Protein backbone atom coordinates (compact mmCIF):
# COMPACT_ATOMS: atom_id res chain seq x y z
CA MET A 1 -0.21 0.12 0.37
CA THR A 2 1.18 3.28 -0.87
CA ASP A 3 1.53 5.99 2.01
CA PRO A 4 -0.77 8.83 0.98
CA ALA A 5 1.28 11.40 1.81
CA GLU A 6 3.63 10.25 -1.12
CA PRO A 7 3.22 12.62 -4.48
CA ILE A 8 2.45 10.69 -7.03
CA ALA A 9 5.05 10.25 -9.35
CA PRO A 10 4.43 11.75 -12.82
CA ILE A 11 4.30 9.48 -15.84
CA THR A 12 6.67 10.14 -18.77
CA LEU A 13 4.72 8.99 -22.84
CA PRO A 14 7.81 7.03 -25.11
CA ASN A 15 8.76 9.90 -27.29
CA LEU A 16 5.75 10.16 -30.40
CA GLN A 17 7.40 8.05 -33.17
CA TYR A 18 3.78 8.46 -35.49
CA PRO A 19 2.34 11.91 -35.19
CA GLU A 20 -0.27 11.16 -37.30
CA LYS A 21 -1.60 8.19 -36.17
CA GLU A 22 -1.92 8.86 -32.93
CA GLU A 23 -3.86 11.66 -33.23
CA VAL A 24 -6.02 9.27 -35.33
CA TRP A 25 -6.53 6.92 -32.36
CA LEU A 26 -6.50 9.34 -30.28
CA ARG A 27 -9.93 11.46 -31.90
CA GLU A 28 -11.67 8.15 -32.11
CA SER A 29 -11.42 6.75 -29.36
CA LEU A 30 -12.13 9.97 -27.61
CA HIS A 31 -14.76 10.32 -30.28
CA THR A 32 -16.22 6.91 -29.30
CA TRP A 33 -15.81 7.58 -25.31
CA LEU A 34 -17.75 10.92 -25.91
CA ASP A 35 -20.76 9.33 -27.43
CA GLU A 36 -20.83 6.56 -24.91
CA GLU A 37 -20.19 8.69 -22.06
CA PHE A 38 -24.04 10.03 -22.42
CA LEU A 39 -25.64 11.10 -25.77
CA PRO A 40 -23.95 10.73 -29.24
CA GLU A 41 -23.89 14.42 -30.40
CA LEU A 42 -22.40 16.23 -33.59
CA VAL A 43 -20.19 18.34 -31.24
CA ASN A 44 -18.52 15.16 -29.85
CA GLY A 45 -16.40 14.84 -32.93
CA LYS A 46 -15.01 18.89 -32.93
CA ILE A 47 -14.96 18.11 -29.36
CA ALA A 48 -12.17 15.11 -30.07
CA GLU A 49 -10.78 16.80 -32.89
CA LYS A 50 -9.75 20.02 -31.29
CA ALA A 51 -8.60 17.73 -28.29
CA ALA A 52 -6.75 14.99 -29.92
CA LYS A 53 -4.83 17.99 -32.36
CA ILE A 54 -4.08 19.87 -28.85
CA PHE A 55 -2.27 16.58 -28.00
CA VAL A 56 -0.38 15.65 -30.61
CA ARG A 57 1.06 18.79 -30.75
CA GLN A 58 2.42 19.58 -27.95
CA ARG A 59 3.46 15.90 -27.77
CA MET A 60 5.47 16.91 -31.61
CA GLU A 61 7.09 20.20 -29.18
CA GLY A 62 8.72 18.05 -26.74
CA GLU A 63 6.10 17.25 -24.06
CA ASN A 64 5.84 13.91 -23.20
CA ASP A 65 4.92 14.07 -19.59
CA LEU A 66 1.14 12.86 -18.84
CA GLY A 67 0.16 15.49 -16.40
CA SER A 68 1.87 18.43 -18.77
CA LEU A 69 -0.84 17.42 -21.74
CA VAL A 70 -3.54 17.59 -19.31
CA ILE A 71 -3.09 21.16 -18.35
CA ALA A 72 -2.18 22.08 -21.87
CA ILE A 73 -6.06 20.45 -23.26
CA ILE A 74 -7.61 21.91 -20.10
CA ALA A 75 -5.93 25.17 -21.08
CA GLU A 76 -6.22 25.72 -24.71
CA MET A 77 -10.00 23.69 -24.58
CA ARG A 78 -11.38 26.85 -22.12
CA ALA A 79 -11.12 28.57 -25.40
CA PHE A 80 -14.03 25.60 -27.06
CA ASP A 81 -17.38 26.60 -26.98
CA PHE A 82 -19.01 23.42 -24.99
CA SER A 83 -22.75 25.26 -24.69
CA ARG A 84 -23.81 22.49 -27.23
CA SER A 85 -22.23 20.11 -24.90
CA PHE A 86 -22.37 18.27 -21.44
CA TYR A 87 -18.54 17.86 -21.38
CA SER A 88 -16.02 20.54 -19.72
CA GLU A 89 -12.20 21.26 -20.77
CA PHE A 90 -11.80 18.97 -17.46
CA ALA A 91 -14.05 15.78 -18.54
CA VAL A 92 -12.39 16.28 -21.84
CA ALA A 93 -8.61 16.47 -20.60
CA ASN A 94 -9.51 13.35 -17.62
CA ALA A 95 -10.30 11.63 -20.98
CA VAL A 96 -7.56 11.73 -22.92
CA SER A 97 -5.26 10.75 -20.29
CA ASP A 98 -7.67 7.87 -19.33
CA LEU A 99 -7.82 6.19 -22.93
CA ILE A 100 -3.54 7.01 -22.88
CA LEU A 101 -3.34 5.36 -19.63
CA ASP A 102 -5.19 2.39 -20.52
CA SER A 103 -3.42 2.16 -23.77
CA LEU A 104 -0.23 2.11 -21.84
CA GLY A 105 -1.74 -0.73 -19.81
CA ILE A 106 -1.47 1.19 -16.35
CA ASP A 107 -4.07 0.90 -14.10
CA ARG A 108 -5.77 4.55 -12.92
CA CYS A 109 -7.52 2.96 -9.90
CA CYS A 110 -6.98 3.99 -6.78
CA GLY A 111 -3.74 6.28 -7.39
CA ALA A 112 -2.16 2.92 -8.77
């Protein structure tokens, strides 16, 4: 069992090898997640596209820390109009993080 006072170790992603492939995967995975979590909405595709572009651009600029990537998505998605969506920039960034962790086989339950 981990000490609750211990900080969570950062998660560093492997270097980006195939940006186009990663962007397509993230866009499609996030779009599917958004559609399944509540109701399929037209805006979900736009949300997924924007978040995937932010994520991959940040990765191409050399950012590999998952926490920093999540913050970048939150910051840049603030300008997105979420008025026709159930989601917010925070929900989208958290979903991206969960999808990445799942793809790496990292258990995201209970701070593990």
